[in-house]
Amino acid sequence: MNDNEKIVLVTGARGQLGHDIVKELTNHNIKYIATDSDDLDITDEKIVKDFFKNHSISHVIHSAAYTQVDKAEVEKELNHKINVYGTSNIVNECMKHDIPMVYFSTDYIFGGEGSEPYHVDDKANPLGEYAKSKYEGELLVKKLSKYYIVRISWVFGINGNNFIKTMLKLAETKNELNIVSDQIGSPTYTVDLSKLIIDMIQTDKYGVYHATNEGFVSWADFAREIFKRTNKNVVVHNVTTEEYNAKALRPKNSRLDKSKLVENGFSKLPTWQDALDRFLKELNN
């Protein structure tokens, strides 16, 4: 499709991921409509219908989501309303107008057993309310003929809260921290992910993908790396998932196999260490 014909709708444009997707669309001179809950309440069916009727949309990048994993165990209805009902409203309009849709899912849809990376077509076993709602969203999106479901993990970007910012904040007042060491996965830098997504929507290579930065690490070792690179004198103590005792269950194995990206001609994302360096630079600027 000619770039001039494209108008991409971005939901959740003020979120961590949406922010960098909008930036990347700007870099590519692709027209977009950036919305957040104030401009487009995805949980209101009529508002969504009218919005699609009044705008000429060629693609949807659906990055609006409820993402507070522990809170979702308490705010079950709100989590479901945004992640399932909201997604359903967007899917219905994409179906009606034959619009390709990008949906972001999560490593949490897998149960986290074993130590082998999960493949895109491995059986889902979502733990917790957040994971279940994201998986339900996937099933809704799969009703479309043109979709990109992109599963990501351990997301960090400049515009929002994330593990790196939390660690740096804690380092201001603490010199020892207990961090989970038995959950293994890959951090995902929103800048790198956004570049991939904009490449993706310019193809018709639809389907389910895994996309994270390269390499695997535990949360504890990730924290150590953050402190090392920022010269913070913080001792990290390893604790188990059970000892940490968070409200929501989290997978111990969050490794995702990304071979489908390469098979379809997309580039893998840089290593998480490289991404961390660039993010810290962005943070300092």
C-alpha atoms as a PDB file:
ATOM      1  CA  MET A   1       0.000   0.000   0.000  1.00  0.00           C
ATOM      2  CA  ASN A   2       1.121   3.498  -0.815  1.00  0.00           C
ATOM      3  CA  ASP A   3       2.279   5.303   2.352  1.00  0.00           C
ATOM      4  CA  ASN A   4       0.142   8.307   1.453  1.00  0.00           C
ATOM      5  CA  GLU A   5      -2.970   6.149   1.724  1.00  0.00           C
ATOM      6  CA  LYS A   6      -2.108   4.899   5.175  1.00  0.00           C
ATOM      7  CA  ILE A   7      -3.747   6.404   8.243  1.00  0.00           C
ATOM      8  CA  VAL A   8      -2.811   4.302  11.228  1.00  0.00           C
ATOM      9  CA  LEU A   9      -4.938   4.405  14.365  1.00  0.00           C
ATOM     10  CA  VAL A  10      -2.809   4.034  17.501  1.00  0.00           C
ATOM     11  CA  THR A  11      -4.720   3.279  20.709  1.00  0.00           C
ATOM     12  CA  GLY A  12      -2.999   3.863  24.047  1.00  0.00           C
ATOM     13  CA  ALA A  13      -0.742   6.423  22.383  1.00  0.00           C
ATOM     14  CA  ARG A  14       0.326   7.980  25.684  1.00  0.00           C
ATOM     15  CA  GLY A  15       1.496   4.664  27.116  1.00  0.00           C
ATOM     16  CA  GLN A  16       5.053   3.390  27.194  1.00  0.00           C
ATOM     17  CA  LEU A  17       4.757   1.521  23.882  1.00  0.00           C
ATOM     18  CA  GLY A  18       2.241   3.802  22.148  1.00  0.00           C
ATOM     19  CA  HIS A  19       4.539   6.780  22.706  1.00  0.00           C
ATOM     20  CA  ASP A  20       7.400   5.195  20.723  1.00  0.00           C
ATOM     21  CA  ILE A  21       5.096   3.811  18.026  1.00  0.00           C
ATOM     22  CA  VAL A  22       3.842   7.341  17.334  1.00  0.00           C
ATOM     23  CA  LYS A  23       7.460   8.554  17.180  1.00  0.00           C
ATOM     24  CA  GLU A  24       8.353   5.827  14.683  1.00  0.00           C
ATOM     25  CA  LEU A  25       5.313   6.542  12.485  1.00  0.00           C
ATOM     26  CA  THR A  26       6.422  10.194  12.450  1.00  0.00           C
ATOM     27  CA  ASN A  27       9.956   9.126  11.407  1.00  0.00           C
ATOM     28  CA  HIS A  28       8.453   7.179   8.489  1.00  0.00           C
ATOM     29  CA  ASN A  29       6.114  10.038   7.481  1.00  0.00           C
ATOM     30  CA  ILE A  30       3.142   7.707   7.907  1.00  0.00           C
ATOM     31  CA  LYS A  31      -0.095   9.492   8.798  1.00  0.00           C
ATOM     32  CA  TYR A  32      -1.627   8.437  12.089  1.00  0.00           C
ATOM     33  CA  ILE A  33      -4.308   9.238  14.616  1.00  0.00           C
ATOM     34  CA  ALA A  34      -2.941   8.936  18.140  1.00  0.00           C
ATOM     35  CA  THR A  35      -5.626   8.279  20.742  1.00  0.00           C
ATOM     36  CA  ASP A  36      -5.730   7.645  24.439  1.00  0.00           C
ATOM     37  CA  SER A  37      -8.649   6.908  26.773  1.00  0.00           C
ATOM     38  CA  ASP A  38      -9.601  10.629  26.775  1.00  0.00           C
ATOM     39  CA  ASP A  39      -9.978  10.735  22.972  1.00  0.00           C
ATOM     40  CA  LEU A  40     -11.243   7.194  22.381  1.00  0.00           C
ATOM     41  CA  ASP A  41     -12.834   5.127  25.129  1.00  0.00           C
ATOM     42  CA  ILE A  42     -12.332   1.649  23.675  1.00  0.00           C
ATOM     43  CA  THR A  43     -14.740   0.188  26.254  1.00  0.00           C
ATOM     44  CA  ASP A  44     -17.664   2.184  24.799  1.00  0.00           C
ATOM     45  CA  GLU A  45     -19.001   0.317  21.779  1.00  0.00           C
ATOM     46  CA  LYS A  46     -20.878   3.288  20.315  1.00  0.00           C
ATOM     47  CA  ILE A  47     -17.916   5.657  20.638  1.00  0.00           C
ATOM     48  CA  VAL A  48     -15.673   3.113  18.882  1.00  0.00           C
ATOM     49  CA  LYS A  49     -18.227   2.565  16.076  1.00  0.00           C
ATOM     50  CA  ASP A  50     -18.595   6.308  15.483  1.00  0.00           C
ATOM     51  CA  PHE A  51     -14.858   6.819  15.541  1.00  0.00           C
ATOM     52  CA  PHE A  52     -14.292   4.281  12.766  1.00  0.00           C
ATOM     53  CA  LYS A  53     -17.199   5.693  10.775  1.00  0.00           C
ATOM     54  CA  ASN A  54     -15.753   9.215  10.953  1.00  0.00           C
ATOM     55  CA  HIS A  55     -12.107   8.384  10.166  1.00  0.00           C
ATOM     56  CA  SER A  56     -10.477   6.724   7.194  1.00  0.00           C
ATOM     57  CA  ILE A  57      -8.311   4.139   8.954  1.00  0.00           C
ATOM     58  CA  SER A  58      -6.021   1.750   7.083  1.00  0.00           C
ATOM     59  CA  HIS A  59      -4.376  -0.042  10.040  1.00  0.00           C
ATOM     60  CA  VAL A  60      -4.889  -0.301  13.790  1.00  0.00           C
ATOM     61  CA  ILE A  61      -2.015  -0.610  16.264  1.00  0.00           C
ATOM     62  CA  HIS A  62      -3.811  -1.525  19.464  1.00  0.00           C
ATOM     63  CA  SER A  63      -1.465  -0.710  22.325  1.00  0.00           C
ATOM     64  CA  ALA A  64      -4.145   0.360  24.817  1.00  0.00           C
ATOM     65  CA  ALA A  65      -4.260  -2.170  27.653  1.00  0.00           C
ATOM     66  CA  TYR A  66      -4.664  -2.696  31.356  1.00  0.00           C
ATOM     67  CA  THR A  67      -1.145  -3.786  32.368  1.00  0.00           C
ATOM     68  CA  GLN A  68      -1.024  -3.728  36.190  1.00  0.00           C
ATOM     69  CA  VAL A  69      -0.486  -7.427  36.728  1.00  0.00           C
ATOM     70  CA  ASP A  70      -0.918  -7.576  40.520  1.00  0.00           C
ATOM     71  CA  LYS A  71      -3.754  -5.049  40.633  1.00  0.00           C
ATOM     72  CA  ALA A  72      -5.630  -7.086  38.002  1.00  0.00           C
ATOM     73  CA  GLU A  73      -6.179  -9.773  40.663  1.00  0.00           C
ATOM     74  CA  VAL A  74      -8.276  -7.222  42.582  1.00  0.00           C
ATOM     75  CA  GLU A  75      -9.578  -5.010  39.752  1.00  0.00           C
ATOM     76  CA  LYS A  76     -10.817  -8.011  37.777  1.00  0.00           C
ATOM     77  CA  GLU A  77     -13.718  -6.202  36.147  1.00  0.00           C
ATOM     78  CA  LEU A  78     -11.688  -3.199  35.004  1.00  0.00           C
ATOM     79  CA  ASN A  79      -8.926  -5.472  33.657  1.00  0.00           C
ATOM     80  CA  HIS A  80     -11.514  -7.507  31.701  1.00  0.00           C
ATOM     81  CA  LYS A  81     -13.368  -4.407  30.516  1.00  0.00           C
ATOM     82  CA  ILE A  82     -10.241  -2.881  28.941  1.00  0.00           C
ATOM     83  CA  ASN A  83      -8.346  -5.972  27.757  1.00  0.00           C
ATOM     84  CA  VAL A  84     -11.258  -8.109  26.569  1.00  0.00           C
ATOM     85  CA  TYR A  85     -14.310  -5.935  25.968  1.00  0.00           C
ATOM     86  CA  GLY A  86     -12.245  -2.994  24.685  1.00  0.00           C
ATOM     87  CA  THR A  87     -10.295  -5.251  22.346  1.00  0.00           C
ATOM     88  CA  SER A  88     -13.545  -6.835  21.155  1.00  0.00           C
ATOM     89  CA  ASN A  89     -14.918  -3.402  20.152  1.00  0.00           C
ATOM     90  CA  ILE A  90     -11.787  -2.672  18.101  1.00  0.00           C
ATOM     91  CA  VAL A  91     -11.822  -6.155  16.509  1.00  0.00           C
ATOM     92  CA  ASN A  92     -15.470  -5.763  15.442  1.00  0.00           C
ATOM     93  CA  GLU A  93     -14.713  -2.525  13.605  1.00  0.00           C
ATOM     94  CA  CYS A  94     -11.573  -3.964  11.982  1.00  0.00           C
ATOM     95  CA  MET A  95     -13.689  -6.888  10.794  1.00  0.00           C
ATOM     96  CA  LYS A  96     -16.414  -4.615   9.447  1.00  0.00           C
ATOM     97  CA  HIS A  97     -13.990  -2.340   7.562  1.00  0.00           C
ATOM     98  CA  ASP A  98     -11.416  -5.029   6.623  1.00  0.00           C
ATOM     99  CA  ILE A  99      -8.599  -3.288   8.540  1.00  0.00           C
ATOM    100  CA  PRO A 100      -5.378  -5.111   9.555  1.00  0.00           C
ATOM    101  CA  MET A 101      -4.789  -4.992  13.301  1.00  0.00           C
ATOM    102  CA  VAL A 102      -1.698  -5.227  15.505  1.00  0.00           C
ATOM    103  CA  TYR A 103      -2.377  -6.645  18.968  1.00  0.00           C
ATOM    104  CA  PHE A 104       0.218  -6.894  21.727  1.00  0.00           C
ATOM    105  CA  SER A 105       0.143  -9.967  23.891  1.00  0.00           C
ATOM    106  CA  THR A 106       2.480 -11.291  26.538  1.00  0.00           C
ATOM    107  CA  ASP A 107       4.819 -14.067  27.692  1.00  0.00           C
ATOM    108  CA  TYR A 108       2.341 -14.458  30.579  1.00  0.00           C
ATOM    109  CA  ILE A 109      -0.080 -16.432  28.381  1.00  0.00           C
ATOM    110  CA  PHE A 110       2.246 -19.425  28.806  1.00  0.00           C
ATOM    111  CA  GLY A 111       2.460 -21.292  32.094  1.00  0.00           C
ATOM    112  CA  GLY A 112       6.216 -20.862  32.407  1.00  0.00           C
ATOM    113  CA  GLU A 113       7.082 -24.548  32.672  1.00  0.00           C
ATOM    114  CA  GLY A 114      10.510 -25.947  31.756  1.00  0.00           C
ATOM    115  CA  SER A 115      13.425 -23.962  30.385  1.00  0.00           C
ATOM    116  CA  GLU A 116      12.958 -24.182  26.604  1.00  0.00           C
ATOM    117  CA  PRO A 117      11.834 -21.034  24.745  1.00  0.00           C
ATOM    118  CA  TYR A 118       8.123 -21.062  23.889  1.00  0.00           C
ATOM    119  CA  HIS A 119       7.230 -21.241  20.191  1.00  0.00           C
ATOM    120  CA  VAL A 120       4.432 -19.131  18.731  1.00  0.00           C
ATOM    121  CA  ASP A 121       2.053 -22.100  18.439  1.00  0.00           C
ATOM    122  CA  ASP A 122       2.755 -23.680  21.835  1.00  0.00           C
ATOM    123  CA  LYS A 123      -0.259 -24.306  24.031  1.00  0.00           C
ATOM    124  CA  ALA A 124      -1.342 -21.375  26.183  1.00  0.00           C
ATOM    125  CA  ASN A 125      -1.775 -21.765  29.930  1.00  0.00           C
ATOM    126  CA  PRO A 126      -2.381 -18.230  31.254  1.00  0.00           C
ATOM    127  CA  LEU A 127      -1.712 -17.668  34.946  1.00  0.00           C
ATOM    128  CA  GLY A 128      -3.635 -14.911  36.689  1.00  0.00           C
ATOM    129  CA  GLU A 129      -6.282 -12.406  35.622  1.00  0.00           C
ATOM    130  CA  TYR A 130      -4.042 -10.210  33.472  1.00  0.00           C
ATOM    131  CA  ALA A 131      -2.680 -13.184  31.507  1.00  0.00           C
ATOM    132  CA  LYS A 132      -6.160 -14.623  30.984  1.00  0.00           C
ATOM    133  CA  SER A 133      -7.491 -11.288  29.698  1.00  0.00           C
ATOM    134  CA  LYS A 134      -4.605 -10.888  27.232  1.00  0.00           C
ATOM    135  CA  TYR A 135      -5.118 -14.432  25.954  1.00  0.00           C
ATOM    136  CA  GLU A 136      -8.863 -13.821  25.535  1.00  0.00           C
ATOM    137  CA  GLY A 137      -7.882 -10.757  23.528  1.00  0.00           C
ATOM    138  CA  GLU A 138      -5.707 -12.944  21.289  1.00  0.00           C
ATOM    139  CA  LEU A 139      -8.620 -15.281  20.587  1.00  0.00           C
ATOM    140  CA  LEU A 140     -10.802 -12.311  19.592  1.00  0.00           C
ATOM    141  CA  VAL A 141      -8.131 -10.915  17.261  1.00  0.00           C
ATOM    142  CA  LYS A 142      -7.727 -14.332  15.605  1.00  0.00           C
ATOM    143  CA  LYS A 143     -11.257 -13.948  14.203  1.00  0.00           C
ATOM    144  CA  LEU A 144      -9.807 -11.397  11.776  1.00  0.00           C
ATOM    145  CA  SER A 145      -8.281 -12.415   8.469  1.00  0.00           C
ATOM    146  CA  LYS A 146      -5.532  -9.782   8.771  1.00  0.00           C
ATOM    147  CA  TYR A 147      -3.819  -9.556  12.145  1.00  0.00           C
ATOM    148  CA  TYR A 148      -0.398  -9.397  13.732  1.00  0.00           C
ATOM    149  CA  ILE A 149      -0.366 -10.728  17.284  1.00  0.00           C
ATOM    150  CA  VAL A 150       2.975  -9.759  18.794  1.00  0.00           C
ATOM    151  CA  ARG A 151       3.877 -11.304  22.143  1.00  0.00           C
ATOM    152  CA  ILE A 152       6.340  -9.261  24.152  1.00  0.00           C
ATOM    153  CA  SER A 153       7.829  -9.360  27.649  1.00  0.00           C
ATOM    154  CA  TRP A 154       9.471  -7.197  30.319  1.00  0.00           C
ATOM    155  CA  VAL A 155       8.750  -3.971  28.458  1.00  0.00           C
ATOM    156  CA  PHE A 156      10.655  -0.741  29.082  1.00  0.00           C
ATOM    157  CA  GLY A 157      10.516   2.667  27.439  1.00  0.00           C
ATOM    158  CA  ILE A 158      10.993   6.326  28.256  1.00  0.00           C
ATOM    159  CA  ASN A 159       7.317   7.174  28.679  1.00  0.00           C
ATOM    160  CA  GLY A 160       6.030   5.294  31.707  1.00  0.00           C
ATOM    161  CA  ASN A 161       6.963   3.123  34.637  1.00  0.00           C
ATOM    162  CA  ASN A 162       9.160   0.085  34.229  1.00  0.00           C
ATOM    163  CA  PHE A 163      11.642  -2.131  36.054  1.00  0.00           C
ATOM    164  CA  ILE A 164      14.701  -0.044  35.147  1.00  0.00           C
ATOM    165  CA  LYS A 165      13.188   3.207  36.422  1.00  0.00           C
ATOM    166  CA  THR A 166      12.019   1.419  39.590  1.00  0.00           C
ATOM    167  CA  MET A 167      15.516   0.053  40.246  1.00  0.00           C
ATOM    168  CA  LEU A 168      17.126   3.473  39.770  1.00  0.00           C
ATOM    169  CA  LYS A 169      14.576   5.048  42.107  1.00  0.00           C
ATOM    170  CA  LEU A 170      15.169   2.391  44.783  1.00  0.00           C
ATOM    171  CA  ALA A 171      18.942   2.891  44.437  1.00  0.00           C
ATOM    172  CA  GLU A 172      18.503   6.452  45.717  1.00  0.00           C
ATOM    173  CA  THR A 173      17.501   5.204  49.177  1.00  0.00           C
ATOM    174  CA  LYS A 174      18.586   1.559  49.400  1.00  0.00           C
ATOM    175  CA  ASN A 175      21.935  -0.205  49.150  1.00  0.00           C
ATOM    176  CA  GLU A 176      20.540  -3.753  49.315  1.00  0.00           C
ATOM    177  CA  LEU A 177      17.588  -5.252  47.418  1.00  0.00           C
ATOM    178  CA  ASN A 178      15.901  -8.651  47.260  1.00  0.00           C
ATOM    179  CA  ILE A 179      15.094  -9.495  43.635  1.00  0.00           C
ATOM    180  CA  VAL A 180      13.563 -12.579  42.057  1.00  0.00           C
ATOM    181  CA  SER A 181      16.195 -14.774  40.420  1.00  0.00           C
ATOM    182  CA  ASP A 182      14.176 -17.761  39.177  1.00  0.00           C
ATOM    183  CA  GLN A 183      12.106 -15.953  36.533  1.00  0.00           C
ATOM    184  CA  ILE A 184      14.027 -15.905  33.237  1.00  0.00           C
ATOM    185  CA  GLY A 185      13.039 -13.867  30.198  1.00  0.00           C
ATOM    186  CA  SER A 186      13.992 -11.100  27.793  1.00  0.00           C
ATOM    187  CA  PRO A 187      13.576  -7.356  28.278  1.00  0.00           C
ATOM    188  CA  THR A 188      11.888  -5.501  25.392  1.00  0.00           C
ATOM    189  CA  TYR A 189      12.822  -1.893  24.539  1.00  0.00           C
ATOM    190  CA  THR A 190       9.851  -0.036  23.072  1.00  0.00           C
ATOM    191  CA  VAL A 191      12.099   1.872  20.634  1.00  0.00           C
ATOM    192  CA  ASP A 192      13.323  -1.367  19.032  1.00  0.00           C
ATOM    193  CA  LEU A 193       9.878  -2.956  19.095  1.00  0.00           C
ATOM    194  CA  SER A 194       8.273   0.088  17.437  1.00  0.00           C
ATOM    195  CA  LYS A 195      10.694  -0.099  14.499  1.00  0.00           C
ATOM    196  CA  LEU A 196       9.749  -3.738  13.967  1.00  0.00           C
ATOM    197  CA  ILE A 197       6.004  -2.994  14.155  1.00  0.00           C
ATOM    198  CA  ILE A 198       6.217  -0.227  11.544  1.00  0.00           C
ATOM    199  CA  ASP A 199       8.161  -2.617   9.277  1.00  0.00           C
ATOM    200  CA  MET A 200       5.549  -5.290   9.887  1.00  0.00           C
ATOM    201  CA  ILE A 201       2.481  -3.237   8.957  1.00  0.00           C
ATOM    202  CA  GLN A 202       4.045  -2.472   5.598  1.00  0.00           C
ATOM    203  CA  THR A 203       3.835  -6.182   4.730  1.00  0.00           C
ATOM    204  CA  ASP A 204       0.986  -8.676   4.589  1.00  0.00           C
ATOM    205  CA  LYS A 205       2.936 -11.216   6.670  1.00  0.00           C
ATOM    206  CA  TYR A 206       0.107 -11.717   9.130  1.00  0.00           C
ATOM    207  CA  GLY A 207       0.136 -14.101  12.088  1.00  0.00           C
ATOM    208  CA  VAL A 208       1.482 -14.590  15.603  1.00  0.00           C
ATOM    209  CA  TYR A 209       5.018 -13.426  16.441  1.00  0.00           C
ATOM    210  CA  HIS A 210       7.307 -13.269  19.441  1.00  0.00           C
ATOM    211  CA  ALA A 211       9.357 -10.081  19.613  1.00  0.00           C
ATOM    212  CA  THR A 212      11.731  -9.177  22.448  1.00  0.00           C
ATOM    213  CA  ASN A 213      15.329  -8.043  22.592  1.00  0.00           C
ATOM    214  CA  GLU A 214      17.825 -10.884  22.170  1.00  0.00           C
ATOM    215  CA  GLY A 215      19.256 -12.816  25.110  1.00  0.00           C
ATOM    216  CA  PHE A 216      17.801 -14.192  28.361  1.00  0.00           C
ATOM    217  CA  VAL A 217      18.329 -12.944  31.901  1.00  0.00           C
ATOM    218  CA  SER A 218      16.785 -13.201  35.385  1.00  0.00           C
ATOM    219  CA  TRP A 219      15.258 -10.144  37.073  1.00  0.00           C
ATOM    220  CA  ALA A 220      18.067 -10.234  39.668  1.00  0.00           C
ATOM    221  CA  ASP A 221      20.827 -10.252  37.042  1.00  0.00           C
ATOM    222  CA  PHE A 222      19.002  -7.591  35.050  1.00  0.00           C
ATOM    223  CA  ALA A 223      19.030  -5.397  38.182  1.00  0.00           C
ATOM    224  CA  ARG A 224      22.748  -6.047  38.699  1.00  0.00           C
ATOM    225  CA  GLU A 225      23.421  -4.984  35.127  1.00  0.00           C
ATOM    226  CA  ILE A 226      21.399  -1.772  35.598  1.00  0.00           C
ATOM    227  CA  PHE A 227      23.380  -0.874  38.750  1.00  0.00           C
ATOM    228  CA  LYS A 228      26.688  -1.751  37.120  1.00  0.00           C
ATOM    229  CA  ARG A 229      26.018   0.479  34.114  1.00  0.00           C
ATOM    230  CA  THR A 230      24.847   3.395  36.278  1.00  0.00           C
ATOM    231  CA  ASN A 231      27.606   3.022  38.901  1.00  0.00           C
ATOM    232  CA  LYS A 232      25.143   2.437  41.735  1.00  0.00           C
ATOM    233  CA  ASN A 233      26.488   0.654  44.759  1.00  0.00           C
ATOM    234  CA  VAL A 234      23.547  -1.693  45.433  1.00  0.00           C
ATOM    235  CA  VAL A 235      23.871  -5.324  46.523  1.00  0.00           C
ATOM    236  CA  VAL A 236      21.255  -7.579  44.918  1.00  0.00           C
ATOM    237  CA  HIS A 237      20.163 -10.663  46.881  1.00  0.00           C
ATOM    238  CA  ASN A 238      18.533 -13.508  44.951  1.00  0.00           C
ATOM    239  CA  VAL A 239      15.082 -14.557  46.154  1.00  0.00           C
ATOM    240  CA  THR A 240      12.689 -17.145  44.736  1.00  0.00           C
ATOM    241  CA  THR A 241       9.281 -16.361  43.259  1.00  0.00           C
ATOM    242  CA  GLU A 242       7.722 -18.049  46.309  1.00  0.00           C
ATOM    243  CA  GLU A 243       9.748 -15.927  48.743  1.00  0.00           C
ATOM    244  CA  TYR A 244       8.854 -12.734  46.904  1.00  0.00           C
ATOM    245  CA  ASN A 245       5.173 -13.678  47.125  1.00  0.00           C
ATOM    246  CA  ALA A 246       3.571 -11.271  44.628  1.00  0.00           C
ATOM    247  CA  LYS A 247      -0.229 -11.138  44.305  1.00  0.00           C
ATOM    248  CA  ALA A 248      -0.304 -12.483  40.743  1.00  0.00           C
ATOM    249  CA  LEU A 249       1.340 -15.691  39.566  1.00  0.00           C
ATOM    250  CA  ARG A 250       4.157 -15.072  37.109  1.00  0.00           C
ATOM    251  CA  PRO A 251       5.816 -17.556  34.756  1.00  0.00           C
ATOM    252  CA  LYS A 252       9.295 -18.701  35.770  1.00  0.00           C
ATOM    253  CA  ASN A 253      10.154 -19.435  32.152  1.00  0.00           C
ATOM    254  CA  SER A 254       9.395 -16.399  29.986  1.00  0.00           C
ATOM    255  CA  ARG A 255      11.802 -17.356  27.211  1.00  0.00           C
ATOM    256  CA  LEU A 256      10.210 -16.779  23.808  1.00  0.00           C
ATOM    257  CA  ASP A 257      11.396 -18.306  20.539  1.00  0.00           C
ATOM    258  CA  LYS A 258      11.671 -15.592  17.864  1.00  0.00           C
ATOM    259  CA  SER A 259      12.587 -17.689  14.821  1.00  0.00           C
ATOM    260  CA  LYS A 260       9.313 -16.775  13.073  1.00  0.00           C
ATOM    261  CA  LEU A 261      10.510 -13.182  12.734  1.00  0.00           C
ATOM    262  CA  VAL A 262      13.548 -14.293  10.750  1.00  0.00           C
ATOM    263  CA  GLU A 263      11.536 -16.834   8.717  1.00  0.00           C
ATOM    264  CA  ASN A 264       9.314 -13.964   7.561  1.00  0.00           C
ATOM    265  CA  GLY A 265      12.198 -11.671   6.661  1.00  0.00           C
ATOM    266  CA  PHE A 266      12.122  -9.417   9.729  1.00  0.00           C
ATOM    267  CA  SER A 267      15.237  -8.545  11.709  1.00  0.00           C
ATOM    268  CA  LYS A 268      15.605  -9.735  15.277  1.00  0.00           C
ATOM    269  CA  LEU A 269      15.858  -6.955  17.856  1.00  0.00           C
ATOM    270  CA  PRO A 270      19.316  -6.052  19.249  1.00  0.00           C
ATOM    271  CA  THR A 271      20.517  -7.658  22.490  1.00  0.00           C
ATOM    272  CA  TRP A 272      18.908  -6.517  25.731  1.00  0.00           C
ATOM    273  CA  GLN A 273      22.325  -5.258  26.947  1.00  0.00           C
ATOM    274  CA  ASP A 274      22.617  -2.997  23.907  1.00  0.00           C
ATOM    275  CA  ALA A 275      19.018  -1.833  24.422  1.00  0.00           C
ATOM    276  CA  LEU A 276      19.709  -1.101  28.100  1.00  0.00           C
ATOM    277  CA  ASP A 277      22.699   1.100  27.186  1.00  0.00           C
ATOM    278  CA  ARG A 278      20.630   3.095  24.691  1.00  0.00           C
ATOM    279  CA  PHE A 279      17.716   3.429  27.108  1.00  0.00           C
ATOM    280  CA  LEU A 280      19.981   4.752  29.881  1.00  0.00           C
ATOM    281  CA  LYS A 281      21.369   7.274  27.408  1.00  0.00           C
ATOM    282  CA  GLU A 282      17.820   8.304  26.477  1.00  0.00           C
ATOM    283  CA  LEU A 283      16.964   8.605  30.166  1.00  0.00           C
ATOM    284  CA  ASN A 284      19.968  10.879  30.798  1.00  0.00           C
ATOM    285  CA  ASN A 285      18.994  13.156  27.934  1.00  0.00           C
END
